[in-house]
């Protein structure tokens, strides 16, 4: 198994917050290759965008659902930019 990431010298290590999801996903799939990508996205998003200051569970759920949707479409978006 090989994972490619865009690690660099940026403050958040990867240059973009969503790029970190790839490194996380690679590790999770190395541990258990049968995991569902959307569930991995949901785990990473919940950990990355969790905040004790969240005003309501519904607001947090909306953020998580939105980010997971973006991540789930990542491959399609990438393909559109590289063709």
C-alpha atoms as a PDB file:
ATOM      1  CA  UNK A   1       0.000   0.000   0.000  1.00  0.00           C
ATOM      2  CA  UNK A   2       1.288   3.448  -0.854  1.00  0.00           C
ATOM      3  CA  UNK A   3      -0.125   6.842   0.001  1.00  0.00           C
ATOM      4  CA  UNK A   4       0.825  10.111  -1.575  1.00  0.00           C
ATOM      5  CA  UNK A   5       0.291  13.351   0.252  1.00  0.00           C
ATOM      6  CA  UNK A   6       1.244  16.958  -0.120  1.00  0.00           C
ATOM      7  CA  UNK A   7       3.055  17.444   3.165  1.00  0.00           C
ATOM      8  CA  UNK A   8       4.984  20.654   3.422  1.00  0.00           C
ATOM      9  CA  UNK A   9       6.041  23.416   5.751  1.00  0.00           C
ATOM     10  CA  UNK A  10       2.664  25.065   6.197  1.00  0.00           C
ATOM     11  CA  UNK A  11       1.251  25.694   9.625  1.00  0.00           C
ATOM     12  CA  UNK A  12      -1.274  22.856   9.271  1.00  0.00           C
ATOM     13  CA  UNK A  13       1.394  20.498   7.815  1.00  0.00           C
ATOM     14  CA  UNK A  14      -0.435  19.618   4.600  1.00  0.00           C
ATOM     15  CA  UNK A  15      -0.979  23.023   2.986  1.00  0.00           C
ATOM     16  CA  UNK A  16      -4.749  22.622   3.073  1.00  0.00           C
ATOM     17  CA  UNK A  17      -6.998  21.331   5.805  1.00  0.00           C
ATOM     18  CA  UNK A  18      -8.741  18.855   3.483  1.00  0.00           C
ATOM     19  CA  UNK A  19      -5.420  17.382   2.355  1.00  0.00           C
ATOM     20  CA  UNK A  20      -4.981  16.020   5.868  1.00  0.00           C
ATOM     21  CA  UNK A  21      -8.045  13.845   5.317  1.00  0.00           C
ATOM     22  CA  UNK A  22      -6.103  11.854   2.717  1.00  0.00           C
ATOM     23  CA  UNK A  23      -3.315  11.028   5.134  1.00  0.00           C
ATOM     24  CA  UNK A  24      -5.875  10.056   7.779  1.00  0.00           C
ATOM     25  CA  UNK A  25      -7.794   7.927   5.281  1.00  0.00           C
ATOM     26  CA  UNK A  26      -4.648   6.147   4.186  1.00  0.00           C
ATOM     27  CA  UNK A  27      -3.865   5.185   7.760  1.00  0.00           C
ATOM     28  CA  UNK A  28      -7.407   3.997   8.433  1.00  0.00           C
ATOM     29  CA  UNK A  29      -7.470   1.894   5.260  1.00  0.00           C
ATOM     30  CA  UNK A  30      -4.070   0.420   6.095  1.00  0.00           C
ATOM     31  CA  UNK A  31      -5.551  -0.660   9.419  1.00  0.00           C
ATOM     32  CA  UNK A  32      -8.763  -2.021   7.862  1.00  0.00           C
ATOM     33  CA  UNK A  33      -9.093  -1.967   4.051  1.00  0.00           C
ATOM     34  CA  UNK A  34     -12.785  -2.871   4.223  1.00  0.00           C
ATOM     35  CA  UNK A  35     -13.820   0.464   5.720  1.00  0.00           C
ATOM     36  CA  UNK A  36     -16.229   2.703   3.845  1.00  0.00           C
ATOM     37  CA  UNK A  37     -14.743   5.962   2.537  1.00  0.00           C
ATOM     38  CA  UNK A  38     -17.721   8.049   3.702  1.00  0.00           C
ATOM     39  CA  UNK A  39     -17.380   6.698   7.235  1.00  0.00           C
ATOM     40  CA  UNK A  40     -13.666   7.549   7.229  1.00  0.00           C
ATOM     41  CA  UNK A  41     -14.544  11.044   6.000  1.00  0.00           C
ATOM     42  CA  UNK A  42     -17.132  11.385   8.765  1.00  0.00           C
ATOM     43  CA  UNK A  43     -14.629  10.283  11.459  1.00  0.00           C
ATOM     44  CA  UNK A  44     -11.959  12.690  10.255  1.00  0.00           C
ATOM     45  CA  UNK A  45     -14.426  15.570   9.899  1.00  0.00           C
ATOM     46  CA  UNK A  46     -15.877  15.061  13.367  1.00  0.00           C
ATOM     47  CA  UNK A  47     -12.383  15.127  14.882  1.00  0.00           C
ATOM     48  CA  UNK A  48     -11.117  18.030  12.773  1.00  0.00           C
ATOM     49  CA  UNK A  49     -14.109  20.322  13.059  1.00  0.00           C
ATOM     50  CA  UNK A  50     -15.227  19.488  16.574  1.00  0.00           C
ATOM     51  CA  UNK A  51     -15.498  22.381  18.931  1.00  0.00           C
ATOM     52  CA  UNK A  52     -16.610  22.606  22.533  1.00  0.00           C
ATOM     53  CA  UNK A  53     -17.903  26.052  21.591  1.00  0.00           C
ATOM     54  CA  UNK A  54     -20.406  24.695  19.069  1.00  0.00           C
ATOM     55  CA  UNK A  55     -23.700  26.451  19.687  1.00  0.00           C
ATOM     56  CA  UNK A  56     -25.887  23.488  18.852  1.00  0.00           C
ATOM     57  CA  UNK A  57     -25.628  19.857  17.862  1.00  0.00           C
ATOM     58  CA  UNK A  58     -27.670  20.641  14.723  1.00  0.00           C
ATOM     59  CA  UNK A  59     -25.096  23.241  13.628  1.00  0.00           C
ATOM     60  CA  UNK A  60     -22.244  20.774  14.156  1.00  0.00           C
ATOM     61  CA  UNK A  61     -24.135  18.089  12.268  1.00  0.00           C
ATOM     62  CA  UNK A  62     -24.675  20.460   9.337  1.00  0.00           C
ATOM     63  CA  UNK A  63     -20.959  21.287   9.197  1.00  0.00           C
ATOM     64  CA  UNK A  64     -20.038  17.603   9.317  1.00  0.00           C
ATOM     65  CA  UNK A  65     -22.553  16.673   6.610  1.00  0.00           C
ATOM     66  CA  UNK A  66     -21.317  19.496   4.351  1.00  0.00           C
ATOM     67  CA  UNK A  67     -17.638  18.613   4.732  1.00  0.00           C
ATOM     68  CA  UNK A  68     -18.303  14.895   4.212  1.00  0.00           C
ATOM     69  CA  UNK A  69     -20.194  15.754   1.022  1.00  0.00           C
ATOM     70  CA  UNK A  70     -17.215  17.763  -0.242  1.00  0.00           C
ATOM     71  CA  UNK A  71     -14.805  14.942   0.610  1.00  0.00           C
ATOM     72  CA  UNK A  72     -17.047  12.308  -0.966  1.00  0.00           C
ATOM     73  CA  UNK A  73     -16.936  14.260  -4.242  1.00  0.00           C
ATOM     74  CA  UNK A  74     -13.175  14.792  -4.072  1.00  0.00           C
ATOM     75  CA  UNK A  75     -12.226  12.204  -6.676  1.00  0.00           C
ATOM     76  CA  UNK A  76     -14.757  13.559  -9.180  1.00  0.00           C
ATOM     77  CA  UNK A  77     -13.522  17.102  -8.593  1.00  0.00           C
ATOM     78  CA  UNK A  78      -9.885  16.018  -8.949  1.00  0.00           C
ATOM     79  CA  UNK A  79     -10.655  14.217 -12.202  1.00  0.00           C
ATOM     80  CA  UNK A  80     -12.327  17.323 -13.591  1.00  0.00           C
ATOM     81  CA  UNK A  81      -9.240  19.426 -12.953  1.00  0.00           C
ATOM     82  CA  UNK A  82      -6.707  16.953 -14.332  1.00  0.00           C
ATOM     83  CA  UNK A  83      -8.266  15.947 -17.632  1.00  0.00           C
END
